[in-house]
Amino acid sequence: MAKKKKKVPGLNSSSTADISFILLIFFLITTSMDTDMGLVRRLPQPPDQEEEQIMDIKARNILYVRLNSLGEIWVEDENEGGSTMEFAALKTKALRNRVKAFVKNEQNLSRLPEKHVKNIDLLGQCFVTDKHVVSVQTDRGTPYDTYFQVQNELVAAYNELRNELAKEKFGREFQYLTVEEQDAVRQYYPQNISEAEPKKYGGN
């Protein structure tokens, strides 16, 4: 009498989809992904139609920072004669100090931002240069890496100025100040970085 062949039981594939889903979640959680670098920058509120006007700023209050398609940084600087301005090439690392000197105008030079008296809570009457503008102008072919480095140096310049003032007035770094103290320091050194070209007028 012939023996019956044993049937091989089929594999239960009903849970395959569940296992695949679990593995997918596992790899998504454990795998590190590259993230784009960015800048922490709060964009200004859009102006009202009635207030939207062309920005007129005295020439002495504007520092032009230009980035060309070769990744070179050009900053407006004064000739030895003291009457005309030209653009001088500058390294990224030197940009921070250049901006700090411009914003601070410690010696109240006529070619740097004008100073005026401003009453600031917790600081009293101060001579500030809060009308200054650092104008960043880029080329269509400007490398993003150069643009990012320049923006980083500009923000770092303001951060160092605020830290120096915080230590001088309150005895500790800016990040450890109270909200009111930080607001006072920001009023003294507002971060005025613009990517729109202001209209210049006058010689000073």
C-alpha atoms as a PDB file:
ATOM      1  CA  MET A   1       0.000   0.000   0.000  1.00  0.00           C
ATOM      2  CA  ALA A   2       1.516   3.365  -1.062  1.00  0.00           C
ATOM      3  CA  LYS A   3       2.469   5.771   1.671  1.00  0.00           C
ATOM      4  CA  LYS A   4       0.862   9.184   1.656  1.00  0.00           C
ATOM      5  CA  LYS A   5       3.232  12.077   1.140  1.00  0.00           C
ATOM      6  CA  LYS A   6       3.397  14.461   4.033  1.00  0.00           C
ATOM      7  CA  LYS A   7       2.392  17.992   3.147  1.00  0.00           C
ATOM      8  CA  VAL A   8       4.839  20.698   4.121  1.00  0.00           C
ATOM      9  CA  PRO A   9       2.951  23.352   6.078  1.00  0.00           C
ATOM     10  CA  GLY A  10       3.027  26.803   4.497  1.00  0.00           C
ATOM     11  CA  LEU A  11       4.714  29.747   6.164  1.00  0.00           C
ATOM     12  CA  ASN A  12       2.473  32.128   7.969  1.00  0.00           C
ATOM     13  CA  SER A  13       3.212  35.496   6.348  1.00  0.00           C
ATOM     14  CA  SER A  14       0.435  37.422   8.012  1.00  0.00           C
ATOM     15  CA  SER A  15       2.850  39.152  10.427  1.00  0.00           C
ATOM     16  CA  THR A  16       5.500  40.020   7.817  1.00  0.00           C
ATOM     17  CA  ALA A  17       4.054  43.489   7.257  1.00  0.00           C
ATOM     18  CA  ASP A  18       4.052  44.172  11.001  1.00  0.00           C
ATOM     19  CA  ILE A  19       7.681  43.101  11.340  1.00  0.00           C
ATOM     20  CA  SER A  20       8.697  45.282   8.380  1.00  0.00           C
ATOM     21  CA  PHE A  21       6.905  48.252   9.877  1.00  0.00           C
ATOM     22  CA  ILE A  22       8.635  47.756  13.235  1.00  0.00           C
ATOM     23  CA  LEU A  23      12.053  47.502  11.554  1.00  0.00           C
ATOM     24  CA  LEU A  24      11.348  50.671   9.572  1.00  0.00           C
ATOM     25  CA  ILE A  25      10.508  52.590  12.737  1.00  0.00           C
ATOM     26  CA  PHE A  26      13.621  51.205  14.432  1.00  0.00           C
ATOM     27  CA  PHE A  27      15.951  52.415  11.685  1.00  0.00           C
ATOM     28  CA  LEU A  28      14.246  55.811  11.491  1.00  0.00           C
ATOM     29  CA  ILE A  29      14.778  56.343  15.210  1.00  0.00           C
ATOM     30  CA  THR A  30      18.350  55.060  15.445  1.00  0.00           C
ATOM     31  CA  THR A  31      19.711  56.550  12.204  1.00  0.00           C
ATOM     32  CA  SER A  32      21.125  60.074  12.400  1.00  0.00           C
ATOM     33  CA  MET A  33      20.231  62.366   9.537  1.00  0.00           C
ATOM     34  CA  ASP A  34      22.067  65.391   8.225  1.00  0.00           C
ATOM     35  CA  THR A  35      20.269  68.629   8.995  1.00  0.00           C
ATOM     36  CA  ASP A  36      20.675  71.946   7.244  1.00  0.00           C
ATOM     37  CA  MET A  37      22.464  74.602   9.213  1.00  0.00           C
ATOM     38  CA  GLY A  38      20.626  77.819   9.801  1.00  0.00           C
ATOM     39  CA  LEU A  39      20.622  81.068  11.680  1.00  0.00           C
ATOM     40  CA  VAL A  40      18.480  81.997  14.632  1.00  0.00           C
ATOM     41  CA  ARG A  41      17.016  85.228  13.344  1.00  0.00           C
ATOM     42  CA  ARG A  42      13.647  86.778  14.103  1.00  0.00           C
ATOM     43  CA  LEU A  43      12.217  88.384  10.995  1.00  0.00           C
ATOM     44  CA  PRO A  44      10.725  91.872  11.408  1.00  0.00           C
ATOM     45  CA  GLN A  45       6.996  92.377  11.282  1.00  0.00           C
ATOM     46  CA  PRO A  46       5.698  93.498   7.865  1.00  0.00           C
ATOM     47  CA  PRO A  47       5.228  97.296   7.868  1.00  0.00           C
ATOM     48  CA  ASP A  48       1.821  98.880   7.543  1.00  0.00           C
ATOM     49  CA  GLN A  49       1.044 100.327   4.129  1.00  0.00           C
ATOM     50  CA  GLU A  50       0.912 103.817   5.596  1.00  0.00           C
ATOM     51  CA  GLU A  51       4.322 103.392   7.246  1.00  0.00           C
ATOM     52  CA  GLU A  52       6.067 101.735   4.309  1.00  0.00           C
ATOM     53  CA  GLN A  53       8.573 104.307   3.095  1.00  0.00           C
ATOM     54  CA  ILE A  54      12.014 104.367   1.531  1.00  0.00           C
ATOM     55  CA  MET A  55      14.589 104.218   4.289  1.00  0.00           C
ATOM     56  CA  ASP A  56      16.772 107.327   4.335  1.00  0.00           C
ATOM     57  CA  ILE A  57      19.899 106.902   6.423  1.00  0.00           C
ATOM     58  CA  LYS A  58      22.906 109.155   6.814  1.00  0.00           C
ATOM     59  CA  ALA A  59      25.955 107.820   4.986  1.00  0.00           C
ATOM     60  CA  ARG A  60      28.045 107.644   8.164  1.00  0.00           C
ATOM     61  CA  ASN A  61      25.510 105.292   9.751  1.00  0.00           C
ATOM     62  CA  ILE A  62      25.771 102.610   7.053  1.00  0.00           C
ATOM     63  CA  LEU A  63      28.383  99.879   6.823  1.00  0.00           C
ATOM     64  CA  TYR A  64      28.197  98.023   3.511  1.00  0.00           C
ATOM     65  CA  VAL A  65      29.256  94.380   3.454  1.00  0.00           C
ATOM     66  CA  ARG A  66      29.313  92.952  -0.067  1.00  0.00           C
ATOM     67  CA  LEU A  67      29.714  89.306  -1.032  1.00  0.00           C
ATOM     68  CA  ASN A  68      30.612  88.481  -4.609  1.00  0.00           C
ATOM     69  CA  SER A  69      30.249  85.274  -6.614  1.00  0.00           C
ATOM     70  CA  LEU A  70      33.828  84.245  -5.744  1.00  0.00           C
ATOM     71  CA  GLY A  71      33.025  84.151  -2.045  1.00  0.00           C
ATOM     72  CA  GLU A  72      35.066  87.286  -1.344  1.00  0.00           C
ATOM     73  CA  ILE A  73      33.998  89.747   1.341  1.00  0.00           C
ATOM     74  CA  TRP A  74      34.271  93.452   0.610  1.00  0.00           C
ATOM     75  CA  VAL A  75      33.636  96.056   3.300  1.00  0.00           C
ATOM     76  CA  GLU A  76      33.298  99.785   2.816  1.00  0.00           C
ATOM     77  CA  ASP A  77      36.326 101.508   4.249  1.00  0.00           C
ATOM     78  CA  GLU A  78      37.785 105.007   4.346  1.00  0.00           C
ATOM     79  CA  ASN A  79      40.721 106.151   2.207  1.00  0.00           C
ATOM     80  CA  GLU A  80      43.711 107.786   3.831  1.00  0.00           C
ATOM     81  CA  GLY A  81      42.455 111.140   2.590  1.00  0.00           C
ATOM     82  CA  GLY A  82      39.368 110.804   4.749  1.00  0.00           C
ATOM     83  CA  SER A  83      36.964 112.191   2.165  1.00  0.00           C
ATOM     84  CA  THR A  84      36.065 109.255  -0.068  1.00  0.00           C
ATOM     85  CA  MET A  85      35.093 105.670   0.584  1.00  0.00           C
ATOM     86  CA  GLU A  86      36.211 102.514  -1.154  1.00  0.00           C
ATOM     87  CA  PHE A  87      35.633  98.813  -0.719  1.00  0.00           C
ATOM     88  CA  ALA A  88      38.467  96.809   0.820  1.00  0.00           C
ATOM     89  CA  ALA A  89      38.743  93.038   0.839  1.00  0.00           C
ATOM     90  CA  LEU A  90      38.358  91.525   4.283  1.00  0.00           C
ATOM     91  CA  LYS A  91      38.746  88.048   5.738  1.00  0.00           C
ATOM     92  CA  THR A  92      35.802  86.478   7.524  1.00  0.00           C
ATOM     93  CA  LYS A  93      37.575  86.449  10.890  1.00  0.00           C
ATOM     94  CA  ALA A  94      38.381  90.178  10.626  1.00  0.00           C
ATOM     95  CA  LEU A  95      34.773  91.081   9.832  1.00  0.00           C
ATOM     96  CA  ARG A  96      33.621  90.634  13.426  1.00  0.00           C
ATOM     97  CA  ASN A  97      36.079  93.205  14.796  1.00  0.00           C
ATOM     98  CA  ARG A  98      35.314  95.588  11.927  1.00  0.00           C
ATOM     99  CA  VAL A  99      31.602  95.511  12.746  1.00  0.00           C
ATOM    100  CA  LYS A 100      32.226  95.889  16.480  1.00  0.00           C
ATOM    101  CA  ALA A 101      34.377  98.974  15.929  1.00  0.00           C
ATOM    102  CA  PHE A 102      31.754 100.437  13.580  1.00  0.00           C
ATOM    103  CA  VAL A 103      28.804  99.897  15.924  1.00  0.00           C
ATOM    104  CA  LYS A 104      30.634 100.971  19.067  1.00  0.00           C
ATOM    105  CA  ASN A 105      32.333 104.102  17.644  1.00  0.00           C
ATOM    106  CA  GLU A 106      34.204 104.394  20.904  1.00  0.00           C
ATOM    107  CA  GLN A 107      36.061 107.599  19.925  1.00  0.00           C
ATOM    108  CA  ASN A 108      32.955 109.209  18.393  1.00  0.00           C
ATOM    109  CA  LEU A 109      34.580 109.602  14.973  1.00  0.00           C
ATOM    110  CA  SER A 110      32.672 111.594  12.365  1.00  0.00           C
ATOM    111  CA  ARG A 111      32.966 108.808   9.759  1.00  0.00           C
ATOM    112  CA  LEU A 112      31.323 106.234  12.052  1.00  0.00           C
ATOM    113  CA  PRO A 113      27.698 106.088  13.309  1.00  0.00           C
ATOM    114  CA  GLU A 114      26.459 109.233  15.026  1.00  0.00           C
ATOM    115  CA  LYS A 115      25.907 109.114  18.752  1.00  0.00           C
ATOM    116  CA  HIS A 116      22.960 110.624  20.557  1.00  0.00           C
ATOM    117  CA  VAL A 117      21.626 110.658  24.092  1.00  0.00           C
ATOM    118  CA  LYS A 118      19.048 107.976  24.888  1.00  0.00           C
ATOM    119  CA  ASN A 119      17.373 107.302  28.208  1.00  0.00           C
ATOM    120  CA  ILE A 120      17.333 103.541  28.871  1.00  0.00           C
ATOM    121  CA  ASP A 121      15.730 101.925  31.899  1.00  0.00           C
ATOM    122  CA  LEU A 122      18.333 100.491  34.322  1.00  0.00           C
ATOM    123  CA  LEU A 123      21.127 102.244  32.385  1.00  0.00           C
ATOM    124  CA  GLY A 124      20.017 105.879  32.551  1.00  0.00           C
ATOM    125  CA  GLN A 125      21.162 108.383  29.936  1.00  0.00           C
ATOM    126  CA  CYS A 126      23.530 106.796  27.431  1.00  0.00           C
ATOM    127  CA  PHE A 127      25.313 107.865  24.252  1.00  0.00           C
ATOM    128  CA  VAL A 128      24.269 105.247  21.717  1.00  0.00           C
ATOM    129  CA  THR A 129      24.675 104.535  17.996  1.00  0.00           C
ATOM    130  CA  ASP A 130      21.338 102.789  17.563  1.00  0.00           C
ATOM    131  CA  LYS A 131      20.731 104.458  14.168  1.00  0.00           C
ATOM    132  CA  HIS A 132      23.465 102.431  12.513  1.00  0.00           C
ATOM    133  CA  VAL A 133      22.789  99.803   9.819  1.00  0.00           C
ATOM    134  CA  VAL A 134      24.964  96.925   8.636  1.00  0.00           C
ATOM    135  CA  SER A 135      23.849  96.407   5.042  1.00  0.00           C
ATOM    136  CA  VAL A 136      24.634  92.983   3.563  1.00  0.00           C
ATOM    137  CA  GLN A 137      24.586  92.865  -0.232  1.00  0.00           C
ATOM    138  CA  THR A 138      25.042  89.566  -2.033  1.00  0.00           C
ATOM    139  CA  ASP A 139      25.567  88.438  -5.595  1.00  0.00           C
ATOM    140  CA  ARG A 140      23.336  85.877  -7.274  1.00  0.00           C
ATOM    141  CA  GLY A 141      26.304  83.516  -7.324  1.00  0.00           C
ATOM    142  CA  THR A 142      27.440  84.101  -3.743  1.00  0.00           C
ATOM    143  CA  PRO A 143      28.290  80.714  -2.145  1.00  0.00           C
ATOM    144  CA  TYR A 144      25.897  79.828   0.653  1.00  0.00           C
ATOM    145  CA  ASP A 145      28.793  78.838   2.915  1.00  0.00           C
ATOM    146  CA  THR A 146      30.297  82.331   2.631  1.00  0.00           C
ATOM    147  CA  TYR A 147      26.908  83.934   3.236  1.00  0.00           C
ATOM    148  CA  PHE A 148      26.347  81.785   6.321  1.00  0.00           C
ATOM    149  CA  GLN A 149      29.808  82.552   7.732  1.00  0.00           C
ATOM    150  CA  VAL A 150      29.288  86.295   7.246  1.00  0.00           C
ATOM    151  CA  GLN A 151      25.887  86.226   8.946  1.00  0.00           C
ATOM    152  CA  ASN A 152      27.400  84.213  11.784  1.00  0.00           C
ATOM    153  CA  GLU A 153      30.198  86.773  12.263  1.00  0.00           C
ATOM    154  CA  LEU A 154      27.736  89.671  12.237  1.00  0.00           C
ATOM    155  CA  VAL A 155      25.591  88.083  14.938  1.00  0.00           C
ATOM    156  CA  ALA A 156      28.714  87.184  16.921  1.00  0.00           C
ATOM    157  CA  ALA A 157      29.854  90.825  16.795  1.00  0.00           C
ATOM    158  CA  TYR A 158      26.598  91.983  18.399  1.00  0.00           C
ATOM    159  CA  ASN A 159      26.733  89.168  20.956  1.00  0.00           C
ATOM    160  CA  GLU A 160      30.240  90.191  22.034  1.00  0.00           C
ATOM    161  CA  LEU A 161      29.250  93.854  22.307  1.00  0.00           C
ATOM    162  CA  ARG A 162      26.254  92.939  24.450  1.00  0.00           C
ATOM    163  CA  ASN A 163      28.358  90.671  26.652  1.00  0.00           C
ATOM    164  CA  GLU A 164      30.923  93.417  27.182  1.00  0.00           C
ATOM    165  CA  LEU A 165      28.224  95.916  28.143  1.00  0.00           C
ATOM    166  CA  ALA A 166      26.470  93.401  30.408  1.00  0.00           C
ATOM    167  CA  LYS A 167      29.690  92.716  32.321  1.00  0.00           C
ATOM    168  CA  GLU A 168      30.430  96.435  32.605  1.00  0.00           C
ATOM    169  CA  LYS A 169      26.972  97.465  33.825  1.00  0.00           C
ATOM    170  CA  PHE A 170      25.669  94.385  35.636  1.00  0.00           C
ATOM    171  CA  GLY A 171      28.765  92.317  36.395  1.00  0.00           C
ATOM    172  CA  ARG A 172      27.740  89.189  34.466  1.00  0.00           C
ATOM    173  CA  GLU A 173      27.309  87.897  30.931  1.00  0.00           C
ATOM    174  CA  PHE A 174      24.274  88.756  28.846  1.00  0.00           C
ATOM    175  CA  GLN A 175      22.747  85.271  29.031  1.00  0.00           C
ATOM    176  CA  TYR A 176      22.611  85.455  32.835  1.00  0.00           C
ATOM    177  CA  LEU A 177      20.835  88.819  32.990  1.00  0.00           C
ATOM    178  CA  THR A 178      17.188  89.245  33.877  1.00  0.00           C
ATOM    179  CA  VAL A 179      14.662  89.889  31.115  1.00  0.00           C
ATOM    180  CA  GLU A 180      14.596  93.604  31.978  1.00  0.00           C
ATOM    181  CA  GLU A 181      18.395  93.835  31.982  1.00  0.00           C
ATOM    182  CA  GLN A 182      18.650  92.040  28.630  1.00  0.00           C
ATOM    183  CA  ASP A 183      16.097  94.417  27.146  1.00  0.00           C
ATOM    184  CA  ALA A 184      18.160  97.389  28.341  1.00  0.00           C
ATOM    185  CA  VAL A 185      21.310  95.985  26.710  1.00  0.00           C
ATOM    186  CA  ARG A 186      19.432  95.316  23.457  1.00  0.00           C
ATOM    187  CA  GLN A 187      18.253  98.925  23.398  1.00  0.00           C
ATOM    188  CA  TYR A 188      21.847 100.047  23.774  1.00  0.00           C
ATOM    189  CA  TYR A 189      23.065  97.687  21.033  1.00  0.00           C
ATOM    190  CA  PRO A 190      20.124  96.850  18.721  1.00  0.00           C
ATOM    191  CA  GLN A 191      20.920  94.290  16.043  1.00  0.00           C
ATOM    192  CA  ASN A 192      20.435  96.323  12.862  1.00  0.00           C
ATOM    193  CA  ILE A 193      21.338  93.961  10.012  1.00  0.00           C
ATOM    194  CA  SER A 194      19.648  94.648   6.699  1.00  0.00           C
ATOM    195  CA  GLU A 195      19.712  92.953   3.315  1.00  0.00           C
ATOM    196  CA  ALA A 196      17.952  95.859   1.645  1.00  0.00           C
ATOM    197  CA  GLU A 197      20.110  98.693   0.376  1.00  0.00           C
ATOM    198  CA  PRO A 198      19.287 101.960   2.185  1.00  0.00           C
ATOM    199  CA  LYS A 199      19.307 105.274   0.376  1.00  0.00           C
ATOM    200  CA  LYS A 200      22.207 107.462   1.462  1.00  0.00           C
ATOM    201  CA  TYR A 201      22.104 111.196   1.776  1.00  0.00           C
ATOM    202  CA  GLY A 202      24.526 113.884   2.891  1.00  0.00           C
ATOM    203  CA  GLY A 203      28.205 113.605   3.622  1.00  0.00           C
ATOM    204  CA  ASN A 204      27.853 112.703   7.290  1.00  0.00           C
END
